[in-house]
Amino acid sequence: MVEFLPLSEIEPQAVEHLLDAAFGADRFGRTAYRIREGMAAVPALSFALVDGKRLVGTIQCWPVAHRAPDGAATPLVMVGPVAVRPDIQRGGHGRALMARMLEAAESQADSALMMIGDPEYYGRFFAFTAEATGAWDLPGPFERRRLLARAVNGHGLPIAAGMIGPR
């Protein structure tokens, strides 16, 4: 039986093995890792998907901030990675993890959401867009069209220029 569990109930090494399998051992060089470096995931928005006792997928969310040139900081939650075991990808597990996280975010998120992801997928199914992110910057290389955001739980999005980094 497939069920959601808080990510905190999963052995951290099992999560790391899943992330390696889904994204490769070189994943630590990605810009997303620079943004969330040294932070702990947001427990209320980070989940595991398990089938029996086997970990099949995870979603993690991170406390980040948009810092405007004048120093003003707007809190955000960075979504991702969304990871699914490679042998069962394209089976709806990632979509289920995103839906569960968004359900929790609608009542528990302390800020709007942002992510680096495929706009065709995350826009179509989860209403993430690049409309507010055009002047945002990241601490490393990224494709501007893949920098996405979504207002949630009454929290709006900053549209001004700014750098995304740890809170």
C-alpha atoms as a PDB file:
ATOM      1  CA  MET A   1       0.000   0.000   0.000  1.00  0.00           C
ATOM      2  CA  VAL A   2       1.390   3.410  -1.005  1.00  0.00           C
ATOM      3  CA  GLU A   3       1.175   6.107   1.671  1.00  0.00           C
ATOM      4  CA  PHE A   4       2.561   9.535   2.520  1.00  0.00           C
ATOM      5  CA  LEU A   5       4.714   9.985   5.593  1.00  0.00           C
ATOM      6  CA  PRO A   6       6.469  13.034   6.985  1.00  0.00           C
ATOM      7  CA  LEU A   7       9.967  13.033   5.519  1.00  0.00           C
ATOM      8  CA  SER A   8      11.342  13.261   9.059  1.00  0.00           C
ATOM      9  CA  GLU A   9      10.206   9.652   9.631  1.00  0.00           C
ATOM     10  CA  ILE A  10      12.509   8.356   6.881  1.00  0.00           C
ATOM     11  CA  GLU A  11      16.132   7.394   7.429  1.00  0.00           C
ATOM     12  CA  PRO A  12      18.201  10.275   5.942  1.00  0.00           C
ATOM     13  CA  GLN A  13      20.550   7.841   4.164  1.00  0.00           C
ATOM     14  CA  ALA A  14      17.582   6.279   2.342  1.00  0.00           C
ATOM     15  CA  VAL A  15      16.585   9.746   1.107  1.00  0.00           C
ATOM     16  CA  GLU A  16      20.143  10.422  -0.086  1.00  0.00           C
ATOM     17  CA  HIS A  17      20.233   7.098  -1.972  1.00  0.00           C
ATOM     18  CA  LEU A  18      16.940   7.944  -3.671  1.00  0.00           C
ATOM     19  CA  LEU A  19      18.195  11.421  -4.639  1.00  0.00           C
ATOM     20  CA  ASP A  20      21.407   9.928  -6.058  1.00  0.00           C
ATOM     21  CA  ALA A  21      19.396   7.414  -8.081  1.00  0.00           C
ATOM     22  CA  ALA A  22      16.981  10.059  -9.368  1.00  0.00           C
ATOM     23  CA  PHE A  23      19.436  12.905 -10.064  1.00  0.00           C
ATOM     24  CA  GLY A  24      22.954  11.482 -10.020  1.00  0.00           C
ATOM     25  CA  ALA A  25      25.776  11.886  -7.560  1.00  0.00           C
ATOM     26  CA  ASP A  26      26.774  15.184  -9.206  1.00  0.00           C
ATOM     27  CA  ARG A  27      23.535  16.816  -8.034  1.00  0.00           C
ATOM     28  CA  PHE A  28      25.362  18.835  -5.355  1.00  0.00           C
ATOM     29  CA  GLY A  29      26.827  21.128  -8.017  1.00  0.00           C
ATOM     30  CA  ARG A  30      23.420  22.417  -9.076  1.00  0.00           C
ATOM     31  CA  THR A  31      22.347  25.961  -8.309  1.00  0.00           C
ATOM     32  CA  ALA A  32      19.392  24.736  -6.233  1.00  0.00           C
ATOM     33  CA  TYR A  33      21.832  23.174  -3.774  1.00  0.00           C
ATOM     34  CA  ARG A  34      23.668  26.504  -3.415  1.00  0.00           C
ATOM     35  CA  ILE A  35      20.417  28.265  -2.566  1.00  0.00           C
ATOM     36  CA  ARG A  36      19.449  25.900   0.246  1.00  0.00           C
ATOM     37  CA  GLU A  37      22.954  25.114   1.521  1.00  0.00           C
ATOM     38  CA  GLY A  38      23.147  24.724   5.288  1.00  0.00           C
ATOM     39  CA  MET A  39      19.393  24.772   5.855  1.00  0.00           C
ATOM     40  CA  ALA A  40      16.984  22.148   7.096  1.00  0.00           C
ATOM     41  CA  ALA A  41      13.901  21.301   5.050  1.00  0.00           C
ATOM     42  CA  VAL A  42      10.496  22.614   6.176  1.00  0.00           C
ATOM     43  CA  PRO A  43       9.016  19.601   8.017  1.00  0.00           C
ATOM     44  CA  ALA A  44       5.355  20.523   7.428  1.00  0.00           C
ATOM     45  CA  LEU A  45       5.901  20.599   3.632  1.00  0.00           C
ATOM     46  CA  SER A  46       8.378  17.724   3.119  1.00  0.00           C
ATOM     47  CA  PHE A  47       7.014  14.232   2.510  1.00  0.00           C
ATOM     48  CA  ALA A  48       7.993  10.696   1.616  1.00  0.00           C
ATOM     49  CA  LEU A  49       5.959   8.288  -0.459  1.00  0.00           C
ATOM     50  CA  VAL A  50       6.399   4.690   0.671  1.00  0.00           C
ATOM     51  CA  ASP A  51       5.111   1.414  -0.682  1.00  0.00           C
ATOM     52  CA  GLY A  52       5.076  -0.966   2.242  1.00  0.00           C
ATOM     53  CA  LYS A  53       8.476  -0.293   3.762  1.00  0.00           C
ATOM     54  CA  ARG A  54      10.110   0.778   0.502  1.00  0.00           C
ATOM     55  CA  LEU A  55      10.808   4.462  -0.174  1.00  0.00           C
ATOM     56  CA  VAL A  56       9.556   5.330  -3.660  1.00  0.00           C
ATOM     57  CA  GLY A  57       9.592   9.132  -3.662  1.00  0.00           C
ATOM     58  CA  THR A  58      10.236  12.325  -1.730  1.00  0.00           C
ATOM     59  CA  ILE A  59       9.497  16.017  -1.883  1.00  0.00           C
ATOM     60  CA  GLN A  60      11.421  18.579   0.125  1.00  0.00           C
ATOM     61  CA  CYS A  61      10.753  22.272   0.691  1.00  0.00           C
ATOM     62  CA  TRP A  62      13.227  24.835   2.012  1.00  0.00           C
ATOM     63  CA  PRO A  63      13.039  28.232   3.714  1.00  0.00           C
ATOM     64  CA  VAL A  64      14.584  30.780   1.345  1.00  0.00           C
ATOM     65  CA  ALA A  65      14.260  34.517   0.842  1.00  0.00           C
ATOM     66  CA  HIS A  66      14.121  37.061  -1.949  1.00  0.00           C
ATOM     67  CA  ARG A  67      16.502  39.902  -1.058  1.00  0.00           C
ATOM     68  CA  ALA A  68      15.904  43.146  -2.921  1.00  0.00           C
ATOM     69  CA  PRO A  69      18.791  45.547  -3.680  1.00  0.00           C
ATOM     70  CA  ASP A  70      17.616  47.812  -0.821  1.00  0.00           C
ATOM     71  CA  GLY A  71      18.016  44.905   1.620  1.00  0.00           C
ATOM     72  CA  ALA A  72      14.324  44.125   2.046  1.00  0.00           C
ATOM     73  CA  ALA A  73      13.794  40.384   2.442  1.00  0.00           C
ATOM     74  CA  THR A  74      10.653  38.502   1.477  1.00  0.00           C
ATOM     75  CA  PRO A  75      10.417  34.933   2.770  1.00  0.00           C
ATOM     76  CA  LEU A  76       9.705  32.184   0.243  1.00  0.00           C
ATOM     77  CA  VAL A  77       9.573  28.396   0.297  1.00  0.00           C
ATOM     78  CA  MET A  78      11.693  26.652  -2.328  1.00  0.00           C
ATOM     79  CA  VAL A  79      10.042  23.479  -3.622  1.00  0.00           C
ATOM     80  CA  GLY A  80      12.255  20.576  -4.607  1.00  0.00           C
ATOM     81  CA  PRO A  81      13.729  18.265  -5.218  1.00  0.00           C
ATOM     82  CA  VAL A  82      10.809  16.059  -6.144  1.00  0.00           C
ATOM     83  CA  ALA A  83      12.410  12.631  -6.499  1.00  0.00           C
ATOM     84  CA  VAL A  84      10.971   9.286  -7.599  1.00  0.00           C
ATOM     85  CA  ARG A  85      12.780   5.979  -7.994  1.00  0.00           C
ATOM     86  CA  PRO A  86      13.896   5.802 -11.646  1.00  0.00           C
ATOM     87  CA  ASP A  87      12.257   2.427 -12.282  1.00  0.00           C
ATOM     88  CA  ILE A  88       8.782   3.797 -11.468  1.00  0.00           C
ATOM     89  CA  GLN A  89       9.014   7.334 -12.824  1.00  0.00           C
ATOM     90  CA  ARG A  90       6.138   8.488 -15.015  1.00  0.00           C
ATOM     91  CA  GLY A  91       3.703   6.573 -12.814  1.00  0.00           C
ATOM     92  CA  GLY A  92       2.125   9.634 -11.180  1.00  0.00           C
ATOM     93  CA  HIS A  93       4.173   9.491  -7.984  1.00  0.00           C
ATOM     94  CA  GLY A  94       5.810  12.881  -8.476  1.00  0.00           C
ATOM     95  CA  ARG A  95       2.442  14.446  -9.229  1.00  0.00           C
ATOM     96  CA  ALA A  96       1.003  12.879  -6.069  1.00  0.00           C
ATOM     97  CA  LEU A  97       3.887  14.255  -3.982  1.00  0.00           C
ATOM     98  CA  MET A  98       3.390  17.757  -5.408  1.00  0.00           C
ATOM     99  CA  ALA A  99      -0.362  17.603  -4.796  1.00  0.00           C
ATOM    100  CA  ARG A 100       0.190  16.522  -1.167  1.00  0.00           C
ATOM    101  CA  MET A 101       2.699  19.320  -0.589  1.00  0.00           C
ATOM    102  CA  LEU A 102       0.401  21.936  -2.133  1.00  0.00           C
ATOM    103  CA  GLU A 103      -2.472  20.724   0.021  1.00  0.00           C
ATOM    104  CA  ALA A 104      -0.308  21.255   3.109  1.00  0.00           C
ATOM    105  CA  ALA A 105       0.994  24.603   1.796  1.00  0.00           C
ATOM    106  CA  GLU A 106      -2.529  25.971   1.394  1.00  0.00           C
ATOM    107  CA  SER A 107      -2.921  25.952   5.162  1.00  0.00           C
ATOM    108  CA  GLN A 108       0.614  25.805   6.584  1.00  0.00           C
ATOM    109  CA  ALA A 109       3.049  27.678   4.332  1.00  0.00           C
ATOM    110  CA  ASP A 110       4.523  30.830   5.861  1.00  0.00           C
ATOM    111  CA  SER A 111       5.247  32.320   2.438  1.00  0.00           C
ATOM    112  CA  ALA A 112       4.755  31.943  -1.312  1.00  0.00           C
ATOM    113  CA  LEU A 113       6.436  29.089  -3.196  1.00  0.00           C
ATOM    114  CA  MET A 114       9.246  29.114  -5.771  1.00  0.00           C
ATOM    115  CA  MET A 115      11.138  26.437  -7.650  1.00  0.00           C
ATOM    116  CA  ILE A 116      13.440  25.675 -10.533  1.00  0.00           C
ATOM    117  CA  GLY A 117      11.518  23.339 -12.805  1.00  0.00           C
ATOM    118  CA  ASP A 118       9.889  22.563 -16.117  1.00  0.00           C
ATOM    119  CA  PRO A 119       7.347  25.348 -16.747  1.00  0.00           C
ATOM    120  CA  GLU A 120       5.252  23.216 -19.082  1.00  0.00           C
ATOM    121  CA  TYR A 121       4.739  20.565 -16.397  1.00  0.00           C
ATOM    122  CA  TYR A 122       4.610  22.644 -13.203  1.00  0.00           C
ATOM    123  CA  GLY A 123       2.561  25.356 -14.878  1.00  0.00           C
ATOM    124  CA  ARG A 124       0.031  22.993 -16.393  1.00  0.00           C
ATOM    125  CA  PHE A 125      -0.576  20.857 -13.336  1.00  0.00           C
ATOM    126  CA  PHE A 126       0.305  23.108 -10.393  1.00  0.00           C
ATOM    127  CA  ALA A 127      -0.089  26.763 -11.513  1.00  0.00           C
ATOM    128  CA  PHE A 128       3.601  27.725 -11.158  1.00  0.00           C
ATOM    129  CA  THR A 129       4.650  30.502 -13.554  1.00  0.00           C
ATOM    130  CA  ALA A 130       7.617  32.718 -14.356  1.00  0.00           C
ATOM    131  CA  GLU A 131       5.471  35.877 -14.359  1.00  0.00           C
ATOM    132  CA  ALA A 132       6.876  37.281 -11.088  1.00  0.00           C
ATOM    133  CA  THR A 133      10.425  35.939 -11.393  1.00  0.00           C
ATOM    134  CA  GLY A 134      11.766  37.883 -14.377  1.00  0.00           C
ATOM    135  CA  ALA A 135      13.979  40.163 -12.257  1.00  0.00           C
ATOM    136  CA  TRP A 136      15.033  37.521  -9.730  1.00  0.00           C
ATOM    137  CA  ASP A 137      18.572  36.190  -9.666  1.00  0.00           C
ATOM    138  CA  LEU A 138      20.144  33.008  -8.325  1.00  0.00           C
ATOM    139  CA  PRO A 139      23.652  32.267  -6.997  1.00  0.00           C
ATOM    140  CA  GLY A 140      24.642  30.197 -10.004  1.00  0.00           C
ATOM    141  CA  PRO A 141      23.619  29.320 -13.537  1.00  0.00           C
ATOM    142  CA  PHE A 142      19.934  28.773 -14.331  1.00  0.00           C
ATOM    143  CA  GLU A 143      17.496  28.989 -17.213  1.00  0.00           C
ATOM    144  CA  ARG A 144      15.302  32.026 -16.561  1.00  0.00           C
ATOM    145  CA  ARG A 145      12.203  30.326 -17.975  1.00  0.00           C
ATOM    146  CA  ARG A 146      12.603  27.561 -15.378  1.00  0.00           C
ATOM    147  CA  LEU A 147      12.552  29.933 -12.377  1.00  0.00           C
ATOM    148  CA  LEU A 148       8.937  29.578 -11.282  1.00  0.00           C
ATOM    149  CA  ALA A 149       6.749  30.809  -8.442  1.00  0.00           C
ATOM    150  CA  ARG A 150       3.242  30.507  -7.080  1.00  0.00           C
ATOM    151  CA  ALA A 151       1.326  32.513  -4.487  1.00  0.00           C
ATOM    152  CA  VAL A 152      -0.139  30.340  -1.757  1.00  0.00           C
ATOM    153  CA  ASN A 153      -1.974  30.656   1.563  1.00  0.00           C
ATOM    154  CA  GLY A 154      -2.504  34.400   1.056  1.00  0.00           C
ATOM    155  CA  HIS A 155       1.210  35.112   0.558  1.00  0.00           C
ATOM    156  CA  GLY A 156       2.044  37.168  -2.514  1.00  0.00           C
ATOM    157  CA  LEU A 157       5.131  37.146  -4.687  1.00  0.00           C
ATOM    158  CA  PRO A 158       7.796  39.854  -4.909  1.00  0.00           C
ATOM    159  CA  ILE A 159       8.171  41.089  -8.480  1.00  0.00           C
ATOM    160  CA  ALA A 160      11.130  43.400  -7.945  1.00  0.00           C
ATOM    161  CA  ALA A 161      14.732  42.555  -8.667  1.00  0.00           C
ATOM    162  CA  GLY A 162      16.401  40.470  -6.012  1.00  0.00           C
ATOM    163  CA  MET A 163      18.623  37.524  -5.143  1.00  0.00           C
ATOM    164  CA  ILE A 164      17.206  34.232  -3.920  1.00  0.00           C
ATOM    165  CA  GLY A 165      19.164  32.670  -1.056  1.00  0.00           C
ATOM    166  CA  PRO A 166      18.868  31.064   2.360  1.00  0.00           C
ATOM    167  CA  ARG A 167      16.629  32.681   4.955  1.00  0.00           C
END
